Amino acid sequence: MERTSTPNHQVEETSTGVSHKKILMWAFLASDCLFFGSLIATYVLYQRNCAGAICPVEVFDIPLTSYSAFLLLMSSLTMVLGVWSAQRRNLKWMRIWLLATALLGIHFLANQGFEFNAFVHEGMTPRSSPAGSAFFTLTGLHGTHVTIGVFWLLSVVAWTFSKSFKRSDPHLNVEIAGLYWHFVDVVWIVIFTVVYLIGVITF
C-alpha cells in the first residue's frame, strides 16, 4: 500500500475552521445553482414553443438518458471512495478511484454526444426552435461542466506523480474536486427529472 508522506505545513483556515479554498468552492457552487436554476426555468417556460419544428420531448431517448444518469450516480460513489482514500493517504486507491470517476464522466459525455447527434438527425437543433435552443443550452453547459470535472480529476491524478505532491496534503484538493463533481451529478439528476421524465409525462 503506497501512502503519501505527512505534510509539513497546515492548511490555512478561516475563523469558521473551514479552509479558504473550500469556502470559495461553496460560494462558486451557490452561484452555479442560480445559473442552472435560471436555465432549467427557461427550458420549462419554452419547452412547448417549438415554432412548428420537432420539440425536444418528441425525440428523447429515455433508456439512454437513464443509463447516463446511472453512470453519474456511480461516479459519485467512486468519487466518495477517492476522497476516502485521500483522507487515509492511500495513494494507489486514490488514483484508481479518481480515474474510475473520470472514465465514468467520459462515458457520460460520449452518450451525450451520441444523443445530440441523433437529435440533429431528427431535425431538432439549437436553431430549430426556442425549445431546442433552451434544451441544447442547458444540457450543453452541463456537459461543459462535466468536461471540466474530468480534466480536473485527471490533473489531480497527474499531480500525484509530481515532486510537489509529496510536500502537500492531497485530501483538501481531492475533497474540493469532489464537491464540484457531486454538484455536477446533482444538477444532472434535476435536469433528468424535470426536463426528461416530467417533460415526457406532461407534454
Foldseek 3Di string as FASTA:
>chain_A
DDFFDDAPDDADPDPVRHGPLLVVLVVVLVVVVVVLVVLLVQLVVCQVFQVPFDGPQVLDDLVLLVVLLVLLVVLLVLLVQLLVCLVVRVLVSNLVSLLSSLVSLVVSLVSVVVSQVSCVVSPQDLPRGSNSVSVCVNVVVLNVLSVVLSVLSVVLNVCCPDPVVSNDRSNVSSVSSSVSSVSSSVSSVVCCVSVHVVVNVVD
